[in-house]
Structures are given as structure tokens and as C-alpha cells.
């Protein structure tokens, strides 16, 4: 009886909650501000994209997307930003794509927020799938 009442209460809350999540897993569901690599490839075909690597400097030096800028919050974000600020500001009308080491990496989300809030870049997207997505498409060694 207790289980039945608990299940009824849980389902009632779920069905009437305005921001309820889906009942099933959708691997192609994008979180707010995320972009898939195929969409970025289309942007590249139409013009230019600004790549931001949110991994550590060591990982960046081991390999990154050609032309990517290193920006992360684990090392000093402001110190990394200062030498490249004018280059980023001159490209502010382009889409910025931030990537990090994996799908579950939060560094890219944090760097994207910093670019929006501190630098004033509006079109900032987090790459879904991270480095693996880039490697699968041959965009990164």
C-alpha cells in the first residue's frame, strides 16, 4: 500500500511539473547552449568558427583543433585571456565553439559562461561529445 501511494504521488508530481524531463533517454537531445559536431562542420563550410579549447595547457599542447585558443579556468583564465583578447574581440561576430575532454566535462560549460559574461561574446556554444566527437570527424589528432 505504501509503495502504491508513493508511486501515485511521484507520478502526480511528474505529470504536473512544468519542467519535467522526458521519461526516456534521447542521445541526440542537446542541452541549452550545446551544438553537435555536424552542425559545426556546416558552419565551417559556410565560413569561420572560433575554437576554444577548455582543457589543460598540457592536453592542449598534446593536440588541439587547428587554430584553437586555449582558455580554461583551472589555470588563470584572465592570464590566458589577456594575450588573445583582441583576437577574440575582432571575431565576436563568429560562432565560438568550446570543447573539452569528454561528454561529461564541465570545463567547456564554465568557459562558455565566462566568455558570455566577462568577454561579452553572445554566440558561444559547447560542443557535445568533446574531443572524441572532434577526433571521430577528423578535426583533431
N, C-alpha and C. Protein backbone atom coordinates (compact mmCIF):
# COMPACT_ATOMS: atom_id res chain seq x y z
N UNK A 1 0.82 -1.18 0.00
CA UNK A 1 0.00 0.00 0.00
C UNK A 1 0.88 1.27 0.00
N UNK A 2 1.93 1.23 0.82
CA UNK A 2 2.83 2.38 0.89
C UNK A 2 3.51 2.61 -0.47
N UNK A 3 3.92 1.52 -1.11
CA UNK A 3 4.57 1.64 -2.42
C UNK A 3 3.60 2.22 -3.43
N UNK A 4 2.37 1.77 -3.40
CA UNK A 4 1.35 2.27 -4.33
C UNK A 4 1.09 3.76 -4.13
N UNK A 5 0.99 4.18 -2.88
CA UNK A 5 0.78 5.60 -2.60
C UNK A 5 1.98 6.45 -3.02
N UNK A 6 3.18 5.92 -2.77
CA UNK A 6 4.40 6.64 -3.16
C UNK A 6 4.48 6.77 -4.68
N UNK A 7 4.17 5.70 -5.40
CA UNK A 7 4.21 5.74 -6.86
C UNK A 7 3.18 6.70 -7.40
N UNK A 8 1.99 6.72 -6.83
CA UNK A 8 0.94 7.64 -7.27
C UNK A 8 1.36 9.08 -7.03
N UNK A 9 1.94 9.36 -5.88
CA UNK A 9 2.40 10.72 -5.58
C UNK A 9 3.51 11.14 -6.54
N UNK A 10 4.45 10.24 -6.79
CA UNK A 10 5.57 10.56 -7.68
C UNK A 10 5.08 10.83 -9.11
N UNK A 11 4.21 10.00 -9.61
CA UNK A 11 3.67 10.21 -10.96
C UNK A 11 2.85 11.49 -11.05
N UNK A 12 2.10 11.80 -10.01
CA UNK A 12 1.32 13.04 -10.00
C UNK A 12 2.23 14.26 -10.08
N UNK A 13 3.28 14.25 -9.28
CA UNK A 13 4.24 15.36 -9.30
C UNK A 13 4.89 15.45 -10.68
N UNK A 14 5.26 14.30 -11.24
CA UNK A 14 5.92 14.29 -12.55
C UNK A 14 5.01 14.88 -13.63
N UNK A 15 3.78 14.43 -13.70
CA UNK A 15 2.89 14.86 -14.78
C UNK A 15 2.46 16.31 -14.66
N UNK A 16 2.45 16.87 -13.47
CA UNK A 16 2.00 18.25 -13.30
C UNK A 16 3.15 19.25 -13.17
N UNK A 17 4.39 18.75 -13.14
CA UNK A 17 5.55 19.64 -13.02
C UNK A 17 5.80 20.32 -14.36
N UNK A 18 5.96 21.66 -14.39
CA UNK A 18 6.12 22.36 -15.67
C UNK A 18 7.44 22.08 -16.39
N UNK A 19 8.47 21.64 -15.69
CA UNK A 19 9.78 21.40 -16.32
C UNK A 19 10.20 19.94 -16.18
N UNK A 20 9.27 19.05 -16.39
CA UNK A 20 9.59 17.62 -16.22
C UNK A 20 10.49 17.13 -17.34
N UNK A 21 11.45 16.26 -16.99
CA UNK A 21 12.34 15.70 -18.02
C UNK A 21 11.61 14.59 -18.77
N UNK A 22 12.11 14.18 -19.94
CA UNK A 22 11.48 13.07 -20.66
C UNK A 22 11.64 11.77 -19.89
N UNK A 23 10.74 10.85 -20.10
CA UNK A 23 10.79 9.56 -19.42
C UNK A 23 11.81 8.60 -20.05
N UNK A 24 12.35 8.95 -21.18
CA UNK A 24 13.29 8.09 -21.87
C UNK A 24 14.55 8.88 -22.19
N UNK A 25 15.64 8.18 -22.42
CA UNK A 25 16.92 8.81 -22.75
C UNK A 25 16.97 9.08 -24.24
N UNK A 26 17.27 10.31 -24.60
CA UNK A 26 17.41 10.68 -26.00
C UNK A 26 18.86 11.11 -26.22
N UNK A 27 19.67 10.29 -26.90
CA UNK A 27 21.09 10.62 -27.06
C UNK A 27 21.33 11.86 -27.92
N UNK A 28 20.35 12.29 -28.69
CA UNK A 28 20.51 13.46 -29.55
C UNK A 28 19.94 14.72 -28.93
N UNK A 29 19.49 14.62 -27.70
CA UNK A 29 18.96 15.80 -27.00
C UNK A 29 20.12 16.73 -26.66
N UNK A 30 19.98 17.97 -27.02
CA UNK A 30 21.01 18.96 -26.72
C UNK A 30 20.59 19.81 -25.53
N UNK A 31 21.49 20.01 -24.62
CA UNK A 31 21.24 20.93 -23.51
C UNK A 31 21.30 22.35 -24.07
N UNK A 32 20.82 23.28 -23.31
CA UNK A 32 20.85 24.68 -23.75
C UNK A 32 22.29 25.12 -23.99
N UNK A 33 22.54 25.69 -25.16
CA UNK A 33 23.87 26.16 -25.50
C UNK A 33 24.79 25.12 -26.09
N UNK A 34 24.31 23.89 -26.28
CA UNK A 34 25.14 22.84 -26.86
C UNK A 34 24.95 22.79 -28.37
N UNK A 35 25.95 22.26 -29.05
CA UNK A 35 25.89 22.08 -30.50
C UNK A 35 26.59 20.76 -30.84
N UNK A 36 26.07 20.07 -31.86
CA UNK A 36 26.69 18.85 -32.31
C UNK A 36 27.74 19.15 -33.36
N UNK A 37 28.71 18.27 -33.50
CA UNK A 37 29.84 18.49 -34.40
C UNK A 37 29.39 18.62 -35.85
N UNK A 38 28.34 17.92 -36.26
CA UNK A 38 27.86 18.03 -37.64
C UNK A 38 27.38 19.44 -37.96
N UNK A 39 26.74 20.09 -37.01
CA UNK A 39 26.30 21.48 -37.19
C UNK A 39 27.51 22.40 -37.32
N UNK A 40 28.53 22.17 -36.51
CA UNK A 40 29.75 22.98 -36.57
C UNK A 40 30.44 22.81 -37.92
N UNK A 41 30.44 21.60 -38.44
CA UNK A 41 31.03 21.36 -39.76
C UNK A 41 30.29 22.16 -40.83
N UNK A 42 28.97 22.25 -40.73
CA UNK A 42 28.20 23.08 -41.67
C UNK A 42 28.60 24.54 -41.55
N UNK A 43 28.79 25.01 -40.30
CA UNK A 43 29.24 26.39 -40.10
C UNK A 43 30.60 26.61 -40.75
N UNK A 44 31.49 25.62 -40.62
CA UNK A 44 32.82 25.73 -41.21
C UNK A 44 32.75 25.81 -42.74
N UNK A 45 31.82 25.08 -43.32
CA UNK A 45 31.65 25.12 -44.77
C UNK A 45 31.15 26.49 -45.24
N UNK A 46 30.39 27.17 -44.38
CA UNK A 46 29.83 28.47 -44.73
C UNK A 46 30.75 29.63 -44.36
N UNK A 47 31.72 29.38 -43.52
CA UNK A 47 32.59 30.46 -43.08
C UNK A 47 33.58 30.00 -42.05
N UNK A 48 33.67 30.74 -40.97
CA UNK A 48 34.69 30.51 -39.96
C UNK A 48 34.05 30.27 -38.60
N UNK A 49 34.75 29.53 -37.76
CA UNK A 49 34.34 29.26 -36.39
C UNK A 49 35.54 29.55 -35.50
N UNK A 50 35.30 30.09 -34.32
CA UNK A 50 36.37 30.31 -33.35
C UNK A 50 36.35 29.14 -32.38
N UNK A 51 37.43 28.38 -32.36
CA UNK A 51 37.55 27.21 -31.48
C UNK A 51 38.20 27.63 -30.17
N UNK A 52 37.63 27.18 -29.06
CA UNK A 52 38.18 27.41 -27.73
C UNK A 52 38.39 26.05 -27.07
N UNK A 53 39.62 25.77 -26.70
CA UNK A 53 39.96 24.52 -26.03
C UNK A 53 39.97 24.79 -24.52
N UNK A 54 39.08 24.13 -23.80
CA UNK A 54 38.93 24.36 -22.36
C UNK A 54 39.68 23.34 -21.52
N UNK A 55 40.55 22.58 -22.15
CA UNK A 55 41.34 21.59 -21.41
C UNK A 55 42.58 22.25 -20.81
N UNK A 56 43.38 21.46 -20.13
CA UNK A 56 44.61 21.99 -19.53
C UNK A 56 45.62 22.33 -20.63
N UNK A 57 46.61 23.15 -20.28
CA UNK A 57 47.66 23.54 -21.23
C UNK A 57 48.43 22.30 -21.72
N UNK A 58 48.65 21.34 -20.84
CA UNK A 58 49.35 20.12 -21.23
C UNK A 58 48.58 19.36 -22.30
N UNK A 59 47.27 19.18 -22.10
CA UNK A 59 46.43 18.49 -23.09
C UNK A 59 46.37 19.28 -24.39
N UNK A 60 46.30 20.60 -24.27
CA UNK A 60 46.27 21.47 -25.45
C UNK A 60 47.54 21.29 -26.28
N UNK A 61 48.68 21.24 -25.62
CA UNK A 61 49.96 21.08 -26.31
C UNK A 61 50.10 19.71 -26.95
N UNK A 62 49.42 18.72 -26.39
CA UNK A 62 49.47 17.36 -26.96
C UNK A 62 48.67 17.26 -28.26
N UNK A 63 47.75 18.17 -28.47
CA UNK A 63 46.96 18.17 -29.70
C UNK A 63 45.67 18.94 -29.51
N UNK A 64 45.33 19.75 -30.51
CA UNK A 64 44.10 20.55 -30.45
C UNK A 64 43.62 20.83 -31.87
N UNK A 65 42.43 21.36 -31.99
CA UNK A 65 41.89 21.74 -33.29
C UNK A 65 42.77 22.86 -33.84
N UNK A 66 43.05 22.81 -35.12
CA UNK A 66 43.88 23.83 -35.74
C UNK A 66 43.28 25.21 -35.53
N UNK A 67 44.08 26.12 -34.99
CA UNK A 67 43.65 27.49 -34.76
C UNK A 67 42.91 27.71 -33.45
N UNK A 68 42.76 26.67 -32.63
CA UNK A 68 42.04 26.80 -31.37
C UNK A 68 42.82 27.63 -30.36
N UNK A 69 42.09 28.39 -29.57
CA UNK A 69 42.68 29.18 -28.48
C UNK A 69 42.53 28.39 -27.18
N UNK A 70 43.53 28.48 -26.32
CA UNK A 70 43.48 27.83 -25.02
C UNK A 70 42.87 28.79 -24.00
N UNK A 71 41.78 28.38 -23.38
CA UNK A 71 41.15 29.13 -22.29
C UNK A 71 40.55 28.12 -21.33
N UNK A 72 40.96 28.17 -20.09
CA UNK A 72 40.33 27.32 -19.08
C UNK A 72 40.34 28.05 -17.75
N UNK A 73 39.58 27.53 -16.82
CA UNK A 73 39.51 28.20 -15.51
C UNK A 73 40.40 27.54 -14.47
N UNK A 74 40.91 26.36 -14.76
CA UNK A 74 41.80 25.69 -13.81
C UNK A 74 43.13 26.42 -13.72
N UNK A 75 43.62 26.86 -14.85
CA UNK A 75 44.78 27.73 -14.86
C UNK A 75 44.18 29.14 -14.82
N UNK A 76 44.90 30.15 -14.78
CA UNK A 76 44.37 31.51 -14.62
C UNK A 76 43.65 31.97 -15.90
N UNK A 77 42.33 32.00 -15.86
CA UNK A 77 41.52 32.38 -17.03
C UNK A 77 41.92 33.75 -17.56
N UNK A 78 42.05 34.72 -16.66
CA UNK A 78 42.38 36.08 -17.09
C UNK A 78 43.77 36.16 -17.71
N UNK A 79 44.73 35.42 -17.16
CA UNK A 79 46.08 35.41 -17.72
C UNK A 79 46.10 34.78 -19.11
N UNK A 80 45.28 33.75 -19.32
CA UNK A 80 45.18 33.14 -20.64
C UNK A 80 44.43 34.04 -21.62
N UNK A 81 43.46 34.77 -21.12
CA UNK A 81 42.63 35.63 -21.97
C UNK A 81 43.36 36.89 -22.44
N UNK A 82 44.16 37.48 -21.58
CA UNK A 82 44.80 38.76 -21.88
C UNK A 82 45.55 38.80 -23.21
N UNK A 83 46.43 37.85 -23.51
CA UNK A 83 47.17 37.94 -24.77
C UNK A 83 46.32 37.70 -26.03
N UNK A 84 45.17 37.06 -25.89
CA UNK A 84 44.35 36.76 -27.06
C UNK A 84 43.06 37.57 -27.12
N UNK A 85 42.88 38.46 -26.16
CA UNK A 85 41.62 39.21 -26.06
C UNK A 85 41.28 39.95 -27.35
N UNK A 86 42.23 40.66 -27.94
CA UNK A 86 41.94 41.45 -29.14
C UNK A 86 41.58 40.54 -30.32
N UNK A 87 42.22 39.39 -30.41
CA UNK A 87 41.88 38.44 -31.48
C UNK A 87 40.45 37.93 -31.32
N UNK A 88 40.06 37.65 -30.08
CA UNK A 88 38.70 37.17 -29.83
C UNK A 88 37.69 38.28 -30.08
N UNK A 89 37.99 39.49 -29.63
CA UNK A 89 37.08 40.61 -29.81
C UNK A 89 36.86 40.91 -31.30
N UNK A 90 37.90 40.76 -32.10
CA UNK A 90 37.77 41.01 -33.54
C UNK A 90 36.93 39.95 -34.25
N UNK A 91 36.73 38.82 -33.60
CA UNK A 91 35.94 37.73 -34.18
C UNK A 91 34.61 37.53 -33.45
N UNK A 92 34.18 38.50 -32.69
CA UNK A 92 32.99 38.37 -31.86
C UNK A 92 31.71 38.10 -32.65
N UNK A 93 31.72 38.39 -33.95
CA UNK A 93 30.53 38.14 -34.77
C UNK A 93 30.45 36.71 -35.28
N UNK A 94 31.47 35.90 -35.02
CA UNK A 94 31.51 34.50 -35.43
C UNK A 94 31.01 33.60 -34.30
N UNK A 95 30.56 32.39 -34.62
CA UNK A 95 30.21 31.45 -33.55
C UNK A 95 31.48 30.94 -32.85
N UNK A 96 31.44 30.90 -31.54
CA UNK A 96 32.52 30.36 -30.73
C UNK A 96 32.10 28.96 -30.29
N UNK A 97 32.98 27.99 -30.48
CA UNK A 97 32.70 26.61 -30.09
C UNK A 97 33.74 26.20 -29.07
N UNK A 98 33.27 25.86 -27.87
CA UNK A 98 34.15 25.48 -26.76
C UNK A 98 34.08 23.97 -26.59
N UNK A 99 35.24 23.34 -26.49
CA UNK A 99 35.26 21.90 -26.28
C UNK A 99 36.21 21.56 -25.14
N UNK A 100 35.97 20.38 -24.55
CA UNK A 100 36.88 19.87 -23.52
C UNK A 100 37.05 18.38 -23.72
N UNK A 101 37.56 17.69 -22.73
CA UNK A 101 38.00 16.32 -22.89
C UNK A 101 36.94 15.26 -23.11
N UNK A 102 35.73 15.46 -22.61
CA UNK A 102 34.73 14.40 -22.73
C UNK A 102 33.33 14.98 -22.66
N UNK A 103 32.37 14.10 -22.85
CA UNK A 103 30.95 14.49 -22.79
C UNK A 103 30.58 15.01 -21.40
N UNK A 104 31.16 14.42 -20.36
CA UNK A 104 30.81 14.79 -19.00
C UNK A 104 31.66 15.93 -18.44
N UNK A 105 32.58 16.43 -19.22
CA UNK A 105 33.46 17.52 -18.78
C UNK A 105 32.67 18.82 -18.63
N UNK A 106 32.78 19.45 -17.50
CA UNK A 106 32.06 20.71 -17.26
C UNK A 106 32.90 21.94 -17.58
N UNK A 107 34.17 21.74 -17.88
CA UNK A 107 35.06 22.89 -18.14
C UNK A 107 34.57 23.71 -19.31
N UNK A 108 34.08 23.06 -20.36
CA UNK A 108 33.62 23.81 -21.53
C UNK A 108 32.40 24.66 -21.20
N UNK A 109 31.52 24.16 -20.36
CA UNK A 109 30.33 24.94 -19.96
C UNK A 109 30.75 26.17 -19.14
N UNK A 110 31.72 25.98 -18.25
CA UNK A 110 32.19 27.10 -17.43
C UNK A 110 32.90 28.16 -18.29
N UNK A 111 33.74 27.72 -19.21
CA UNK A 111 34.44 28.66 -20.09
C UNK A 111 33.45 29.38 -20.98
N UNK A 112 32.45 28.68 -21.49
CA UNK A 112 31.42 29.32 -22.31
C UNK A 112 30.70 30.41 -21.52
N UNK A 113 30.37 30.11 -20.27
CA UNK A 113 29.72 31.13 -19.41
C UNK A 113 30.63 32.33 -19.18
N UNK A 114 31.91 32.08 -18.96
CA UNK A 114 32.87 33.18 -18.77
C UNK A 114 32.99 34.03 -20.04
N UNK A 115 33.00 33.40 -21.19
CA UNK A 115 33.07 34.16 -22.45
C UNK A 115 31.83 35.03 -22.63
N UNK A 116 30.67 34.51 -22.27
CA UNK A 116 29.43 35.29 -22.38
C UNK A 116 29.43 36.45 -21.38
N UNK A 117 29.75 36.14 -20.13
CA UNK A 117 29.58 37.12 -19.05
C UNK A 117 30.73 38.11 -18.92
N UNK A 118 31.96 37.65 -19.07
CA UNK A 118 33.11 38.55 -18.89
C UNK A 118 33.57 39.22 -20.18
N UNK A 119 33.53 38.46 -21.27
CA UNK A 119 34.06 38.98 -22.53
C UNK A 119 32.96 39.60 -23.38
N UNK A 120 31.73 39.17 -23.19
CA UNK A 120 30.61 39.74 -23.94
C UNK A 120 30.36 39.07 -25.28
N UNK A 121 30.86 37.86 -25.48
CA UNK A 121 30.61 37.11 -26.71
C UNK A 121 29.22 36.48 -26.57
N UNK A 122 28.36 36.67 -27.56
CA UNK A 122 26.99 36.16 -27.44
C UNK A 122 26.81 34.78 -28.04
N UNK A 123 27.43 34.51 -29.18
CA UNK A 123 27.25 33.21 -29.84
C UNK A 123 28.32 32.23 -29.39
N UNK A 124 28.14 31.69 -28.19
CA UNK A 124 29.09 30.73 -27.63
C UNK A 124 28.35 29.40 -27.45
N UNK A 125 28.93 28.34 -27.97
CA UNK A 125 28.32 27.03 -27.91
C UNK A 125 29.29 26.02 -27.33
N UNK A 126 28.75 25.04 -26.62
CA UNK A 126 29.54 23.95 -26.06
C UNK A 126 29.39 22.75 -26.99
N UNK A 127 30.50 22.18 -27.40
CA UNK A 127 30.48 21.05 -28.31
C UNK A 127 30.05 19.78 -27.57
N UNK A 128 28.98 19.18 -28.02
CA UNK A 128 28.51 17.92 -27.43
C UNK A 128 29.46 16.81 -27.87
N UNK A 129 29.95 16.05 -26.92
CA UNK A 129 30.85 14.94 -27.23
C UNK A 129 32.32 15.24 -27.02
N UNK A 130 32.67 16.51 -26.92
CA UNK A 130 34.05 16.90 -26.64
C UNK A 130 35.06 16.42 -27.66
N UNK A 131 36.25 16.10 -27.20
CA UNK A 131 37.37 15.73 -28.05
C UNK A 131 37.04 14.50 -28.90
N UNK A 132 36.33 13.54 -28.34
CA UNK A 132 36.00 12.32 -29.08
C UNK A 132 35.20 12.66 -30.33
N UNK A 133 34.25 13.55 -30.23
CA UNK A 133 33.45 13.95 -31.40
C UNK A 133 34.33 14.59 -32.46
N UNK A 134 35.29 15.38 -32.03
CA UNK A 134 36.22 16.03 -32.97
C UNK A 134 37.12 15.00 -33.65
N UNK A 135 37.61 14.06 -32.87
CA UNK A 135 38.50 13.03 -33.43
C UNK A 135 37.74 12.11 -34.40
N UNK A 136 36.49 11.80 -34.06
CA UNK A 136 35.69 10.94 -34.94
C UNK A 136 35.47 11.58 -36.30
N UNK A 137 35.43 12.90 -36.37
CA UNK A 137 35.22 13.62 -37.63
C UNK A 137 36.52 14.07 -38.28
N UNK A 138 37.66 13.74 -37.67
CA UNK A 138 38.95 14.07 -38.24
C UNK A 138 39.35 15.52 -38.08
N UNK A 139 38.73 16.22 -37.13
CA UNK A 139 39.06 17.62 -36.90
C UNK A 139 40.19 17.81 -35.91
N UNK A 140 40.56 16.71 -35.26
CA UNK A 140 41.59 16.79 -34.23
C UNK A 140 42.37 15.49 -34.20
N UNK A 141 43.70 15.58 -34.04
CA UNK A 141 44.52 14.34 -33.99
C UNK A 141 44.26 13.54 -32.72
